[in-house]
């Protein structure tokens, strides 16, 4: 039985998903290689040998030139500032974590003390019902905390997995009652921890696309958030499909009372 906390099944077949993932990995690898070859030459004032690079790497010269053009045109400053075209997606009216709390975002759920994860048997039973008992075995094996953390640990580099988890949960805790595009969440995460995120995604739009796909393929099926309908491919790439928190998430993860008090007191 599929309840209200799940979106429709993604329209892509397993083979299509794998092809999409392989294509994305190929593009990221090519982007990084071009960046790490081109940028030092540019910074040193040395002409970049595009043909020689393509001959050695096997990459298509038109694709490489397109990436170089992107590197030249799409330079951005840190801390991340939302571009004019994205102002409509920017979120306002919720507490921004104080600087004193930000170091804790790099910790797991237990050590960060940012959130309280329900351990009461009645709450665990409620979560099981809300998710149609789909994850009972995984929760039994790893516990609720392990179940939640694994969503991020298995899909992101360990150096930023906790930061992404905690920052997303923070924003979702305050904004999850509304239908909002995934892009809005990704932009707010970039505003909070852009310098760290960009170390691994090289460009904001790469992160937005990666987090959008992760939301659709992991967070929605596992009952953390729900989407209105199956989004189109371009909506996934741009993070334009709307999500909101599920009752299951609100039952499972809550901002700790101390953090709420500290945050409200610091505004």
Protein backbone atom coordinates (compact mmCIF):
# COMPACT_ATOMS: atom_id res chain seq x y z
CA UNK A 1 0.00 0.00 0.00
CA UNK A 2 1.29 3.44 -0.91
CA UNK A 3 0.33 6.17 1.53
CA UNK A 4 0.25 9.95 1.26
CA UNK A 5 3.88 10.30 2.27
CA UNK A 6 5.21 8.87 -0.98
CA UNK A 7 5.34 10.40 -4.41
CA UNK A 8 4.66 8.45 -7.54
CA UNK A 9 7.35 6.01 -8.64
CA UNK A 10 10.15 7.74 -10.57
CA UNK A 11 9.51 7.48 -14.31
CA UNK A 12 13.03 6.31 -15.14
CA UNK A 13 13.86 2.62 -15.45
CA UNK A 14 16.79 1.14 -13.53
CA UNK A 15 18.83 1.01 -16.74
CA UNK A 16 18.02 4.65 -17.49
CA UNK A 17 18.97 5.68 -13.95
CA UNK A 18 22.29 3.90 -14.19
CA UNK A 19 22.97 5.50 -17.56
CA UNK A 20 22.10 8.89 -16.06
CA UNK A 21 24.40 8.31 -13.10
CA UNK A 22 27.26 7.14 -15.34
CA UNK A 23 26.80 10.20 -17.54
CA UNK A 24 26.82 12.48 -14.49
CA UNK A 25 29.99 10.82 -13.13
CA UNK A 26 31.66 11.16 -16.54
CA UNK A 27 30.75 14.85 -16.75
CA UNK A 28 31.96 15.56 -13.20
CA UNK A 29 35.24 13.73 -13.87
CA UNK A 30 35.78 15.66 -17.10
CA UNK A 31 34.91 18.97 -15.44
CA UNK A 32 37.38 18.37 -12.61
CA UNK A 33 40.20 17.34 -14.96
CA UNK A 34 39.67 20.39 -17.15
CA UNK A 35 39.44 22.67 -14.12
CA UNK A 36 42.62 21.36 -12.52
CA UNK A 37 44.50 21.65 -15.81
CA UNK A 38 43.11 24.98 -17.02
CA UNK A 39 42.94 27.07 -13.83
CA UNK A 40 46.64 26.84 -12.86
CA UNK A 41 47.61 27.79 -16.42
CA UNK A 42 45.18 30.72 -16.37
CA UNK A 43 46.37 31.91 -12.95
CA UNK A 44 49.98 31.72 -14.11
CA UNK A 45 49.22 33.63 -17.29
CA UNK A 46 50.24 30.66 -19.45
CA UNK A 47 48.23 29.77 -22.59
CA UNK A 48 46.28 26.55 -22.11
CA UNK A 49 46.95 23.90 -24.76
CA UNK A 50 43.41 22.66 -25.40
CA UNK A 51 44.37 20.36 -28.26
CA UNK A 52 47.21 18.81 -26.29
CA UNK A 53 44.95 18.27 -23.28
CA UNK A 54 42.29 16.60 -25.44
CA UNK A 55 44.87 14.42 -27.14
CA UNK A 56 46.11 13.12 -23.79
CA UNK A 57 42.72 12.82 -22.08
CA UNK A 58 40.61 11.63 -24.99
CA UNK A 59 37.92 14.22 -24.31
CA UNK A 60 36.06 15.96 -27.11
CA UNK A 61 37.55 19.38 -27.82
CA UNK A 62 34.15 21.07 -28.09
CA UNK A 63 33.12 19.74 -24.67
CA UNK A 64 36.41 20.89 -23.14
CA UNK A 65 36.11 24.34 -24.67
CA UNK A 66 32.54 24.59 -23.33
CA UNK A 67 33.81 23.80 -19.80
CA UNK A 68 36.59 26.39 -20.13
CA UNK A 69 34.02 28.97 -21.19
CA UNK A 70 31.91 27.99 -18.20
CA UNK A 71 34.88 28.39 -15.87
CA UNK A 72 35.57 31.83 -17.26
CA UNK A 73 31.97 33.07 -17.24
CA UNK A 74 30.59 31.40 -14.13
CA UNK A 75 33.16 32.35 -11.52
CA UNK A 76 31.49 33.03 -8.20
CA UNK A 77 32.54 34.45 -4.87
CA UNK A 78 32.43 32.83 -1.45
CA UNK A 79 30.62 33.09 0.84
CA UNK A 80 27.93 32.13 -1.64
CA UNK A 81 25.59 34.89 -2.71
CA UNK A 82 22.31 34.03 -4.42
CA UNK A 83 22.32 35.25 -8.02
CA UNK A 84 19.62 37.68 -9.19
CA UNK A 85 17.91 34.96 -11.21
CA UNK A 86 17.58 32.83 -8.07
CA UNK A 87 16.22 35.50 -5.74
CA UNK A 88 12.71 34.11 -6.19
CA UNK A 89 13.91 30.80 -4.72
CA UNK A 90 15.62 32.32 -1.68
CA UNK A 91 14.00 31.53 1.68
CA UNK A 92 13.40 34.15 4.35
CA UNK A 93 11.67 34.37 7.70
CA UNK A 94 13.35 31.45 9.47
CA UNK A 95 16.24 31.46 11.98
CA UNK A 96 19.72 31.23 10.49
CA UNK A 97 22.00 29.11 12.69
CA UNK A 98 24.25 31.35 14.83
CA UNK A 99 27.97 31.16 14.09
CA UNK A 100 28.50 29.52 17.47
CA UNK A 101 26.38 26.54 16.35
CA UNK A 102 27.86 26.04 12.89
CA UNK A 103 30.82 23.88 14.00
CA UNK A 104 28.33 21.34 15.35
CA UNK A 105 26.86 20.81 11.88
CA UNK A 106 29.94 18.71 11.09
CA UNK A 107 28.95 16.11 13.73
CA UNK A 108 26.62 13.14 13.63
CA UNK A 109 23.11 13.40 15.01
CA UNK A 110 24.04 12.25 18.51
CA UNK A 111 27.18 14.36 18.95
CA UNK A 112 25.85 17.53 17.36
CA UNK A 113 22.99 17.92 19.87
CA UNK A 114 21.20 19.96 17.21
CA UNK A 115 18.34 17.50 16.96
CA UNK A 116 16.61 14.92 19.07
CA UNK A 117 15.86 11.67 17.28
CA UNK A 118 12.91 9.78 18.73
CA UNK A 119 13.80 6.56 20.51
CA UNK A 120 10.48 5.95 22.26
CA UNK A 121 8.99 2.59 21.16
CA UNK A 122 5.63 4.24 20.49
CA UNK A 123 7.25 6.81 18.21
CA UNK A 124 9.21 4.10 16.41
CA UNK A 125 5.98 2.18 15.90
CA UNK A 126 4.31 5.32 14.54
CA UNK A 127 7.19 5.88 12.10
CA UNK A 128 6.88 2.27 10.98
CA UNK A 129 3.19 2.76 10.28
CA UNK A 130 3.72 6.07 8.50
CA UNK A 131 6.29 4.49 6.20
CA UNK A 132 4.19 1.36 5.62
CA UNK A 133 6.76 -0.78 7.50
CA UNK A 134 9.09 -0.49 4.49
CA UNK A 135 12.24 0.09 6.57
CA UNK A 136 11.60 -1.97 9.70
CA UNK A 137 14.46 -4.38 8.99
CA UNK A 138 16.95 -1.62 8.35
CA UNK A 139 15.89 0.23 11.48
CA UNK A 140 16.08 -2.96 13.52
CA UNK A 141 19.62 -3.58 12.26
CA UNK A 142 21.02 -0.04 12.59
CA UNK A 143 18.61 1.80 14.88
CA UNK A 144 16.69 4.92 13.96
CA UNK A 145 19.72 7.19 14.20
CA UNK A 146 21.79 4.89 12.00
CA UNK A 147 18.94 4.62 9.52
CA UNK A 148 18.67 8.40 9.19
CA UNK A 149 22.43 9.05 9.01
CA UNK A 150 22.98 6.30 6.44
CA UNK A 151 20.83 8.14 3.90
CA UNK A 152 23.49 10.84 3.68
CA UNK A 153 26.61 8.82 4.53
CA UNK A 154 26.02 6.45 1.62
CA UNK A 155 25.53 9.17 -0.96
CA UNK A 156 27.94 11.98 -0.07
CA UNK A 157 31.61 12.27 0.75
CA UNK A 158 32.09 11.65 4.46
CA UNK A 159 33.73 15.06 4.82
CA UNK A 160 30.46 16.86 4.05
CA UNK A 161 27.74 14.23 4.66
CA UNK A 162 26.95 15.42 8.20
CA UNK A 163 27.01 19.07 7.15
CA UNK A 164 24.50 18.39 4.39
CA UNK A 165 22.31 16.29 6.67
CA UNK A 166 22.22 18.77 9.54
CA UNK A 167 21.77 21.84 7.36
CA UNK A 168 18.97 20.22 5.35
CA UNK A 169 17.19 19.05 8.52
CA UNK A 170 17.56 22.54 10.02
CA UNK A 171 15.93 24.20 7.01
CA UNK A 172 13.28 21.48 6.70
CA UNK A 173 12.39 21.80 10.39
CA UNK A 174 11.45 25.44 9.90
CA UNK A 175 10.08 25.36 6.36
CA UNK A 176 8.79 21.83 5.90
CA UNK A 177 5.11 22.70 6.29
CA UNK A 178 5.19 24.51 2.93
CA UNK A 179 5.62 23.19 -0.59
CA UNK A 180 9.01 24.59 -1.62
CA UNK A 181 11.37 23.73 -4.50
CA UNK A 182 14.39 21.59 -3.70
CA UNK A 183 16.40 24.39 -5.28
CA UNK A 184 15.44 26.67 -2.38
CA UNK A 185 16.87 24.20 0.13
CA UNK A 186 20.06 23.74 -1.89
CA UNK A 187 20.57 27.51 -2.17
CA UNK A 188 20.19 27.99 1.58
CA UNK A 189 22.67 25.17 2.20
CA UNK A 190 25.13 26.89 -0.13
CA UNK A 191 24.65 30.15 1.76
CA UNK A 192 25.46 28.37 5.02
CA UNK A 193 28.34 26.12 3.91
CA UNK A 194 29.14 27.07 0.33
CA UNK A 195 32.91 27.00 0.70
CA UNK A 196 32.91 23.40 1.94
CA UNK A 197 30.28 22.20 -0.54
CA UNK A 198 32.02 23.73 -3.55
CA UNK A 199 35.22 21.89 -2.67
CA UNK A 200 33.41 18.71 -3.71
CA UNK A 201 31.01 19.95 -6.37
CA UNK A 202 33.15 22.58 -8.12
CA UNK A 203 30.11 24.71 -8.96
CA UNK A 204 26.76 25.50 -7.29
CA UNK A 205 24.70 24.08 -10.13
CA UNK A 206 26.49 20.73 -9.83
CA UNK A 207 25.53 20.56 -6.18
CA UNK A 208 21.94 21.64 -6.84
CA UNK A 209 21.52 18.88 -9.40
CA UNK A 210 23.15 16.25 -7.16
CA UNK A 211 21.08 17.17 -4.12
CA UNK A 212 17.90 17.33 -6.19
CA UNK A 213 18.46 13.79 -7.49
CA UNK A 214 19.34 12.58 -3.99
CA UNK A 215 16.13 14.08 -2.62
CA UNK A 216 14.00 12.35 -5.24
CA UNK A 217 15.73 8.97 -5.06
CA UNK A 218 16.46 8.73 -1.32
CA UNK A 219 14.70 11.24 0.91
CA UNK A 220 11.29 10.91 -0.73
CA UNK A 221 11.15 7.08 -0.87
CA UNK A 222 12.43 6.83 2.72
CA UNK A 223 9.71 9.04 4.12
CA UNK A 224 11.70 12.17 5.03
CA UNK A 225 9.91 14.42 2.56
CA UNK A 226 7.30 14.08 -0.13
CA UNK A 227 6.96 15.52 -3.63
CA UNK A 228 3.76 16.54 -5.36
CA UNK A 229 4.30 14.41 -8.45
CA UNK A 230 6.98 12.76 -10.54
CA UNK A 231 9.08 15.66 -11.86
CA UNK A 232 10.36 16.07 -15.38
CA UNK A 233 14.06 15.54 -16.07
CA UNK A 234 14.73 19.27 -16.40
CA UNK A 235 12.97 19.93 -13.09
CA UNK A 236 15.22 17.37 -11.40
CA UNK A 237 18.35 18.91 -12.93
CA UNK A 238 17.33 22.41 -11.81
CA UNK A 239 15.81 21.33 -8.48
CA UNK A 240 12.52 22.97 -9.37
CA UNK A 241 10.12 20.31 -8.09
CA UNK A 242 8.41 21.13 -4.76
CA UNK A 243 8.78 19.10 -1.58
CA UNK A 244 7.61 19.33 2.02
CA UNK A 245 8.32 17.44 5.22
CA UNK A 246 6.33 14.31 5.99
CA UNK A 247 4.55 13.56 9.24
CA UNK A 248 7.09 10.74 9.53
CA UNK A 249 10.00 13.22 9.57
CA UNK A 250 8.28 15.45 12.11
CA UNK A 251 7.69 12.38 14.27
CA UNK A 252 11.26 11.20 13.95
CA UNK A 253 13.53 14.29 14.01
CA UNK A 254 13.04 17.50 15.98
CA UNK A 255 15.25 20.46 16.77
CA UNK A 256 16.47 20.12 20.33
CA UNK A 257 14.88 22.39 22.94
CA UNK A 258 18.28 23.90 23.82
CA UNK A 259 18.98 24.80 20.20
CA UNK A 260 15.56 26.38 19.79
CA UNK A 261 16.10 28.45 22.93
CA UNK A 262 19.61 29.50 21.89
CA UNK A 263 18.52 30.36 18.37
CA UNK A 264 15.50 32.38 19.40
CA UNK A 265 17.58 34.13 22.02
CA UNK A 266 20.24 35.01 19.48
CA UNK A 267 17.98 36.66 16.93
